[in-house]
C-alpha cells in the first residue's frame, strides 16, 4: 500500500512539474525598461544579463599538489575552555 502511495505521489509531482508555461516572457504594458548602466552605450540584453561574469564563475585551478610539507604550529588551535559551573 505504501509503495502505491509513493508511486502516485511521484507521478503527481512529475505531472505538476511538466505544466509550466512555454511562451516567451514579455514586459508588462507601460512598464519601463531597466536603466542603462553608467558608462554603457546601450542597455544589456536579457542574454547578457543571464550570462554570469568571470567573478561569478571563476575558472578552476586544477594544479596538482606536487610536494607535501609539514604544517606549522597554529597559535589559534586552542583546546576548548571548560565552562564554570
N, C-alpha and C. Protein backbone atom coordinates (compact mmCIF):
# COMPACT_ATOMS: atom_id res chain seq x y z
N UNK A 1 0.83 -1.19 0.00
CA UNK A 1 0.00 0.00 0.00
C UNK A 1 0.88 1.26 0.00
N UNK A 2 1.95 1.19 0.76
CA UNK A 2 2.84 2.36 0.85
C UNK A 2 3.52 2.63 -0.49
N UNK A 3 3.90 1.58 -1.20
CA UNK A 3 4.57 1.73 -2.49
C UNK A 3 3.61 2.37 -3.51
N UNK A 4 2.34 2.01 -3.46
CA UNK A 4 1.36 2.61 -4.37
C UNK A 4 1.21 4.10 -4.10
N UNK A 5 1.16 4.47 -2.82
CA UNK A 5 1.04 5.88 -2.46
C UNK A 5 2.26 6.65 -2.93
N UNK A 6 3.44 6.09 -2.71
CA UNK A 6 4.68 6.73 -3.13
C UNK A 6 4.72 6.88 -4.65
N UNK A 7 4.31 5.85 -5.37
CA UNK A 7 4.28 5.91 -6.83
C UNK A 7 3.28 6.96 -7.31
N UNK A 8 2.12 7.03 -6.68
CA UNK A 8 1.11 8.01 -7.07
C UNK A 8 1.60 9.43 -6.82
N UNK A 9 2.26 9.65 -5.69
CA UNK A 9 2.79 10.98 -5.40
C UNK A 9 3.90 11.35 -6.37
N UNK A 10 4.72 10.39 -6.74
CA UNK A 10 5.79 10.66 -7.70
C UNK A 10 5.22 11.04 -9.06
N UNK A 11 4.22 10.33 -9.50
CA UNK A 11 3.60 10.62 -10.79
C UNK A 11 2.91 11.99 -10.75
N UNK A 12 2.24 12.29 -9.63
CA UNK A 12 1.58 13.59 -9.50
C UNK A 12 2.61 14.73 -9.53
N UNK A 13 3.74 14.54 -8.86
CA UNK A 13 4.78 15.56 -8.87
C UNK A 13 5.35 15.74 -10.27
N UNK A 14 5.54 14.65 -10.99
CA UNK A 14 6.05 14.71 -12.35
C UNK A 14 5.09 15.46 -13.27
N UNK A 15 3.81 15.19 -13.12
CA UNK A 15 2.80 15.85 -13.94
C UNK A 15 2.76 17.35 -13.63
N UNK A 16 2.86 17.71 -12.35
CA UNK A 16 2.81 19.13 -11.97
C UNK A 16 4.04 19.90 -12.46
N UNK A 17 5.18 19.25 -12.51
CA UNK A 17 6.38 19.96 -12.98
C UNK A 17 6.34 20.17 -14.49
N UNK A 18 5.56 19.40 -15.20
CA UNK A 18 5.52 19.50 -16.65
C UNK A 18 4.50 20.52 -17.14
N UNK A 19 3.76 21.17 -16.25
CA UNK A 19 2.71 22.07 -16.73
C UNK A 19 3.11 23.54 -16.63
N UNK A 20 4.40 23.83 -16.74
CA UNK A 20 4.86 25.22 -16.76
C UNK A 20 4.62 25.85 -18.12
N UNK A 21 4.62 27.18 -18.15
CA UNK A 21 4.40 27.89 -19.40
C UNK A 21 5.58 27.73 -20.36
N UNK A 22 5.31 27.72 -21.64
CA UNK A 22 6.34 27.55 -22.65
C UNK A 22 6.42 28.74 -23.60
N UNK A 23 5.78 29.83 -23.24
CA UNK A 23 5.82 31.00 -24.11
C UNK A 23 6.93 31.94 -23.65
N UNK A 24 7.37 32.79 -24.55
CA UNK A 24 8.44 33.73 -24.22
C UNK A 24 7.93 34.79 -23.26
N UNK A 25 8.79 35.25 -22.36
CA UNK A 25 8.41 36.29 -21.42
C UNK A 25 8.42 37.65 -22.11
N UNK A 26 7.45 38.46 -21.80
CA UNK A 26 7.35 39.78 -22.38
C UNK A 26 7.11 40.78 -21.25
N UNK A 27 7.60 42.02 -21.43
CA UNK A 27 7.36 43.02 -20.37
C UNK A 27 5.88 43.39 -20.29
N UNK A 28 5.47 43.82 -19.11
CA UNK A 28 4.09 44.24 -18.90
C UNK A 28 3.87 45.57 -19.62
N UNK A 29 2.63 45.82 -20.09
CA UNK A 29 2.32 47.08 -20.77
C UNK A 29 2.66 48.26 -19.88
N UNK A 30 3.18 49.32 -20.47
CA UNK A 30 3.53 50.56 -19.79
C UNK A 30 4.62 50.39 -18.72
N UNK A 31 5.31 49.28 -18.73
CA UNK A 31 6.40 49.09 -17.78
C UNK A 31 7.69 49.62 -18.41
N UNK A 32 8.46 50.39 -17.64
CA UNK A 32 9.69 50.97 -18.17
C UNK A 32 10.78 49.91 -18.21
N UNK A 33 11.64 50.04 -19.19
CA UNK A 33 12.79 49.15 -19.31
C UNK A 33 13.81 49.52 -18.25
N UNK A 34 14.70 48.62 -17.87
CA UNK A 34 15.74 48.95 -16.89
C UNK A 34 16.64 50.06 -17.40
N UNK A 35 17.20 50.83 -16.49
CA UNK A 35 18.07 51.95 -16.86
C UNK A 35 19.37 51.43 -17.45
N UNK A 36 19.97 52.23 -18.32
CA UNK A 36 21.25 51.88 -18.93
C UNK A 36 22.33 52.08 -17.87
N UNK A 37 23.21 51.10 -17.66
CA UNK A 37 24.28 51.25 -16.67
C UNK A 37 25.20 52.41 -17.02
N UNK A 38 25.80 52.99 -15.98
CA UNK A 38 26.72 54.11 -16.18
C UNK A 38 27.91 53.65 -17.00
N UNK A 39 28.25 54.39 -18.03
CA UNK A 39 29.39 54.07 -18.87
C UNK A 39 29.08 53.15 -20.02
N UNK A 40 27.86 52.62 -20.10
CA UNK A 40 27.48 51.73 -21.19
C UNK A 40 26.73 52.53 -22.25
N UNK A 41 26.94 52.16 -23.51
CA UNK A 41 26.28 52.87 -24.60
C UNK A 41 24.82 52.43 -24.72
N UNK A 42 24.55 51.15 -24.49
CA UNK A 42 23.19 50.63 -24.60
C UNK A 42 22.87 49.76 -23.40
N UNK A 43 21.61 49.49 -23.21
CA UNK A 43 21.19 48.61 -22.11
C UNK A 43 21.57 47.17 -22.46
N UNK A 44 21.97 46.38 -21.48
CA UNK A 44 22.31 44.98 -21.77
C UNK A 44 21.08 44.18 -22.16
N UNK A 45 21.29 43.20 -23.02
CA UNK A 45 20.19 42.33 -23.43
C UNK A 45 19.92 41.30 -22.35
N UNK A 46 18.83 40.59 -22.49
CA UNK A 46 18.50 39.57 -21.48
C UNK A 46 19.55 38.47 -21.46
N UNK A 47 20.09 38.13 -22.62
CA UNK A 47 21.14 37.10 -22.66
C UNK A 47 22.40 37.55 -21.94
N UNK A 48 22.75 38.82 -22.08
CA UNK A 48 23.93 39.34 -21.38
C UNK A 48 23.70 39.37 -19.88
N UNK A 49 22.48 39.69 -19.47
CA UNK A 49 22.17 39.71 -18.04
C UNK A 49 22.18 38.31 -17.43
N UNK A 50 21.81 37.32 -18.21
CA UNK A 50 21.76 35.95 -17.70
C UNK A 50 23.10 35.24 -17.71
N UNK A 51 24.07 35.75 -18.46
CA UNK A 51 25.40 35.14 -18.52
C UNK A 51 26.20 35.59 -17.31
N UNK A 52 26.68 34.63 -16.47
CA UNK A 52 27.44 35.04 -15.28
C UNK A 52 28.79 35.63 -15.66
N UNK A 53 29.24 36.57 -14.86
CA UNK A 53 30.53 37.22 -15.12
C UNK A 53 31.67 36.29 -14.71
N UNK A 54 32.89 36.69 -15.03
CA UNK A 54 34.07 35.91 -14.66
C UNK A 54 34.17 35.84 -13.14
N UNK A 55 33.82 36.91 -12.44
CA UNK A 55 33.90 36.90 -10.99
C UNK A 55 32.86 35.97 -10.39
N UNK A 56 31.71 35.84 -11.02
CA UNK A 56 30.67 34.97 -10.50
C UNK A 56 31.02 33.49 -10.73
N UNK A 57 31.71 33.17 -11.80
CA UNK A 57 32.08 31.79 -12.10
C UNK A 57 33.55 31.74 -12.51
N UNK A 58 34.47 31.82 -11.54
CA UNK A 58 35.88 31.78 -11.89
C UNK A 58 36.29 30.40 -12.40
N UNK A 59 37.36 30.39 -13.18
CA UNK A 59 37.86 29.12 -13.68
C UNK A 59 38.51 28.34 -12.54
N UNK A 60 38.45 27.04 -12.63
CA UNK A 60 39.05 26.20 -11.61
C UNK A 60 40.55 26.09 -11.81
N UNK A 61 41.25 26.01 -10.71
CA UNK A 61 42.67 25.77 -10.75
C UNK A 61 42.88 24.31 -10.35
N UNK A 62 43.22 23.47 -11.29
CA UNK A 62 43.35 22.05 -11.02
C UNK A 62 44.81 21.63 -10.92
N UNK A 63 45.64 22.55 -10.49
CA UNK A 63 47.05 22.25 -10.34
C UNK A 63 47.22 21.20 -9.23
N UNK A 64 47.94 20.15 -9.56
CA UNK A 64 48.14 19.07 -8.60
C UNK A 64 49.16 19.47 -7.55
N UNK A 65 48.97 18.96 -6.36
CA UNK A 65 49.93 19.18 -5.29
C UNK A 65 51.15 18.32 -5.57
N UNK A 66 52.29 18.94 -5.77
CA UNK A 66 53.49 18.17 -6.13
C UNK A 66 54.35 17.85 -4.92
N UNK A 67 54.31 18.67 -3.90
CA UNK A 67 55.10 18.39 -2.70
C UNK A 67 54.23 18.62 -1.48
N UNK A 68 54.39 17.74 -0.50
CA UNK A 68 53.70 17.95 0.76
C UNK A 68 54.70 18.46 1.78
N UNK A 69 54.22 19.21 2.72
CA UNK A 69 55.13 19.72 3.74
C UNK A 69 54.41 19.69 5.09
N UNK A 70 55.21 19.68 6.13
CA UNK A 70 54.68 19.62 7.49
C UNK A 70 53.97 20.93 7.81
N UNK A 71 52.84 20.82 8.42
CA UNK A 71 52.09 22.01 8.79
C UNK A 71 52.74 22.69 9.99
N UNK A 72 52.79 24.02 9.94
CA UNK A 72 53.39 24.78 11.04
C UNK A 72 52.46 24.85 12.24
N UNK A 73 52.98 25.35 13.36
CA UNK A 73 52.21 25.48 14.57
C UNK A 73 51.15 26.56 14.39
N UNK A 74 49.92 26.28 14.81
CA UNK A 74 48.83 27.23 14.70
C UNK A 74 48.54 27.81 16.08
N UNK A 75 48.82 29.09 16.31
CA UNK A 75 48.60 29.67 17.64
C UNK A 75 47.12 29.78 18.02
N UNK A 76 46.23 29.66 17.06
CA UNK A 76 44.81 29.76 17.35
C UNK A 76 44.14 28.40 17.54
N UNK A 77 44.88 27.33 17.42
CA UNK A 77 44.34 25.98 17.61
C UNK A 77 44.40 25.66 19.10
N UNK A 78 43.43 26.17 19.84
CA UNK A 78 43.42 26.02 21.29
C UNK A 78 42.39 24.98 21.70
N UNK A 79 42.63 24.29 22.83
CA UNK A 79 41.62 23.34 23.31
C UNK A 79 40.39 24.09 23.81
N UNK A 80 39.23 23.45 23.84
CA UNK A 80 38.02 24.12 24.32
C UNK A 80 38.16 24.48 25.80
N UNK A 81 37.59 25.62 26.17
CA UNK A 81 37.63 26.05 27.57
C UNK A 81 36.53 25.36 28.35
N UNK A 82 36.84 25.08 29.60
CA UNK A 82 35.82 24.49 30.48
C UNK A 82 34.91 25.61 30.97
N UNK A 83 33.63 25.34 30.95
CA UNK A 83 32.64 26.32 31.40
C UNK A 83 32.56 26.28 32.92
N UNK A 84 32.54 27.44 33.59
CA UNK A 84 32.40 27.46 35.05
C UNK A 84 31.00 26.98 35.42
N UNK A 85 30.93 26.26 36.51
CA UNK A 85 29.63 25.72 36.93
C UNK A 85 29.13 26.35 38.18
